[in-house]
Amino acid sequence: MRAPISGDALYDAFWPAVFAGLAALVWPRARWTYARLWAVFVQGGAQLTLGALILSGA
Protein backbone atom coordinates (compact mmCIF):
# COMPACT_ATOMS: atom_id res chain seq x y z
CA MET A 1 0.00 0.00 0.00
CA ARG A 2 1.24 3.46 -0.89
CA ALA A 3 1.79 6.12 1.72
CA PRO A 4 -0.65 8.98 1.21
CA ILE A 5 0.71 12.28 0.00
CA SER A 6 0.08 15.09 2.46
CA GLY A 7 -2.17 17.97 1.48
CA ASP A 8 0.70 20.35 2.14
CA ALA A 9 2.51 18.90 -0.87
CA LEU A 10 -0.20 20.36 -3.10
CA TYR A 11 0.40 23.83 -1.71
CA ASP A 12 4.15 23.30 -1.93
CA ALA A 13 3.75 22.86 -5.69
CA PHE A 14 0.98 25.42 -6.20
CA TRP A 15 2.60 28.52 -4.71
CA PRO A 16 5.91 28.28 -6.61
CA ALA A 17 3.89 27.91 -9.82
CA VAL A 18 1.93 31.06 -9.01
CA PHE A 19 4.97 33.12 -8.04
CA ALA A 20 7.09 31.94 -10.99
CA GLY A 21 4.20 32.67 -13.36
CA LEU A 22 3.79 36.17 -11.98
CA ALA A 23 7.55 36.76 -12.21
CA ALA A 24 7.55 35.66 -15.85
CA LEU A 25 4.54 37.86 -16.55
CA VAL A 26 6.04 41.07 -15.17
CA TRP A 27 9.65 40.40 -16.22
CA PRO A 28 10.82 42.76 -18.97
CA ARG A 29 11.17 40.92 -22.26
CA ALA A 30 14.14 42.92 -23.46
CA ARG A 31 16.32 42.52 -20.36
CA TRP A 32 17.49 39.35 -18.63
CA THR A 33 15.85 37.05 -21.13
CA TYR A 34 17.39 33.93 -19.60
CA ALA A 35 16.09 34.76 -16.13
CA ARG A 36 12.58 35.15 -17.55
CA LEU A 37 12.95 31.85 -19.40
CA TRP A 38 14.10 30.21 -16.15
CA ALA A 39 10.96 31.50 -14.41
CA VAL A 40 8.80 29.97 -17.16
CA PHE A 41 10.55 26.60 -16.77
CA VAL A 42 10.13 26.71 -12.99
CA GLN A 43 6.45 27.47 -13.44
CA GLY A 44 5.99 24.61 -15.89
CA GLY A 45 7.80 22.17 -13.63
CA ALA A 46 5.73 23.19 -10.62
CA GLN A 47 2.52 22.86 -12.63
CA LEU A 48 3.50 19.39 -13.85
CA THR A 49 4.31 18.37 -10.29
CA LEU A 50 1.00 19.72 -9.06
CA GLY A 51 -0.87 17.90 -11.82
CA ALA A 52 0.89 14.64 -11.00
CA LEU A 53 0.04 15.05 -7.31
CA ILE A 54 -3.61 15.70 -8.09
CA LEU A 55 -3.84 12.75 -10.47
CA SER A 56 -2.17 10.46 -7.95
CA GLY A 57 -4.97 11.17 -5.50
CA ALA A 58 -3.30 13.51 -3.06
C-alpha atoms as a PDB file:
ATOM      1  CA  MET A   1       0.000   0.000   0.000  1.00  0.00           C
ATOM      2  CA  ARG A   2       1.239   3.458  -0.885  1.00  0.00           C
ATOM      3  CA  ALA A   3       1.787   6.117   1.720  1.00  0.00           C
ATOM      4  CA  PRO A   4      -0.654   8.982   1.215  1.00  0.00           C
ATOM      5  CA  ILE A   5       0.714  12.285   0.002  1.00  0.00           C
ATOM      6  CA  SER A   6       0.079  15.088   2.459  1.00  0.00           C
ATOM      7  CA  GLY A   7      -2.167  17.972   1.480  1.00  0.00           C
ATOM      8  CA  ASP A   8       0.702  20.349   2.145  1.00  0.00           C
ATOM      9  CA  ALA A   9       2.511  18.898  -0.866  1.00  0.00           C
ATOM     10  CA  LEU A  10      -0.200  20.358  -3.103  1.00  0.00           C
ATOM     11  CA  TYR A  11       0.397  23.833  -1.713  1.00  0.00           C
ATOM     12  CA  ASP A  12       4.153  23.305  -1.934  1.00  0.00           C
ATOM     13  CA  ALA A  13       3.751  22.861  -5.690  1.00  0.00           C
ATOM     14  CA  PHE A  14       0.976  25.419  -6.197  1.00  0.00           C
ATOM     15  CA  TRP A  15       2.596  28.524  -4.713  1.00  0.00           C
ATOM     16  CA  PRO A  16       5.911  28.280  -6.612  1.00  0.00           C
ATOM     17  CA  ALA A  17       3.887  27.907  -9.821  1.00  0.00           C
ATOM     18  CA  VAL A  18       1.932  31.058  -9.006  1.00  0.00           C
ATOM     19  CA  PHE A  19       4.972  33.123  -8.043  1.00  0.00           C
ATOM     20  CA  ALA A  20       7.087  31.944 -10.987  1.00  0.00           C
ATOM     21  CA  GLY A  21       4.201  32.672 -13.362  1.00  0.00           C
ATOM     22  CA  LEU A  22       3.793  36.172 -11.979  1.00  0.00           C
ATOM     23  CA  ALA A  23       7.548  36.757 -12.209  1.00  0.00           C
ATOM     24  CA  ALA A  24       7.546  35.656 -15.849  1.00  0.00           C
ATOM     25  CA  LEU A  25       4.543  37.857 -16.546  1.00  0.00           C
ATOM     26  CA  VAL A  26       6.035  41.070 -15.172  1.00  0.00           C
ATOM     27  CA  TRP A  27       9.646  40.399 -16.216  1.00  0.00           C
ATOM     28  CA  PRO A  28      10.825  42.758 -18.970  1.00  0.00           C
ATOM     29  CA  ARG A  29      11.166  40.918 -22.255  1.00  0.00           C
ATOM     30  CA  ALA A  30      14.138  42.919 -23.462  1.00  0.00           C
ATOM     31  CA  ARG A  31      16.324  42.518 -20.361  1.00  0.00           C
ATOM     32  CA  TRP A  32      17.494  39.346 -18.633  1.00  0.00           C
ATOM     33  CA  THR A  33      15.847  37.048 -21.135  1.00  0.00           C
ATOM     34  CA  TYR A  34      17.393  33.925 -19.601  1.00  0.00           C
ATOM     35  CA  ALA A  35      16.090  34.756 -16.133  1.00  0.00           C
ATOM     36  CA  ARG A  36      12.580  35.146 -17.553  1.00  0.00           C
ATOM     37  CA  LEU A  37      12.954  31.849 -19.399  1.00  0.00           C
ATOM     38  CA  TRP A  38      14.101  30.211 -16.155  1.00  0.00           C
ATOM     39  CA  ALA A  39      10.955  31.503 -14.407  1.00  0.00           C
ATOM     40  CA  VAL A  40       8.801  29.970 -17.156  1.00  0.00           C
ATOM     41  CA  PHE A  41      10.552  26.599 -16.772  1.00  0.00           C
ATOM     42  CA  VAL A  42      10.129  26.709 -12.987  1.00  0.00           C
ATOM     43  CA  GLN A  43       6.446  27.475 -13.435  1.00  0.00           C
ATOM     44  CA  GLY A  44       5.995  24.614 -15.888  1.00  0.00           C
ATOM     45  CA  GLY A  45       7.799  22.174 -13.630  1.00  0.00           C
ATOM     46  CA  ALA A  46       5.734  23.191 -10.622  1.00  0.00           C
ATOM     47  CA  GLN A  47       2.522  22.856 -12.633  1.00  0.00           C
ATOM     48  CA  LEU A  48       3.501  19.391 -13.848  1.00  0.00           C
ATOM     49  CA  THR A  49       4.311  18.369 -10.291  1.00  0.00           C
ATOM     50  CA  LEU A  50       0.996  19.723  -9.057  1.00  0.00           C
ATOM     51  CA  GLY A  51      -0.866  17.897 -11.816  1.00  0.00           C
ATOM     52  CA  ALA A  52       0.894  14.644 -11.002  1.00  0.00           C
ATOM     53  CA  LEU A  53       0.043  15.046  -7.312  1.00  0.00           C
ATOM     54  CA  ILE A  54      -3.610  15.704  -8.092  1.00  0.00           C
ATOM     55  CA  LEU A  55      -3.843  12.747 -10.472  1.00  0.00           C
ATOM     56  CA  SER A  56      -2.171  10.457  -7.945  1.00  0.00           C
ATOM     57  CA  GLY A  57      -4.972  11.170  -5.497  1.00  0.00           C
ATOM     58  CA  ALA A  58      -3.300  13.509  -3.056  1.00  0.00           C
END
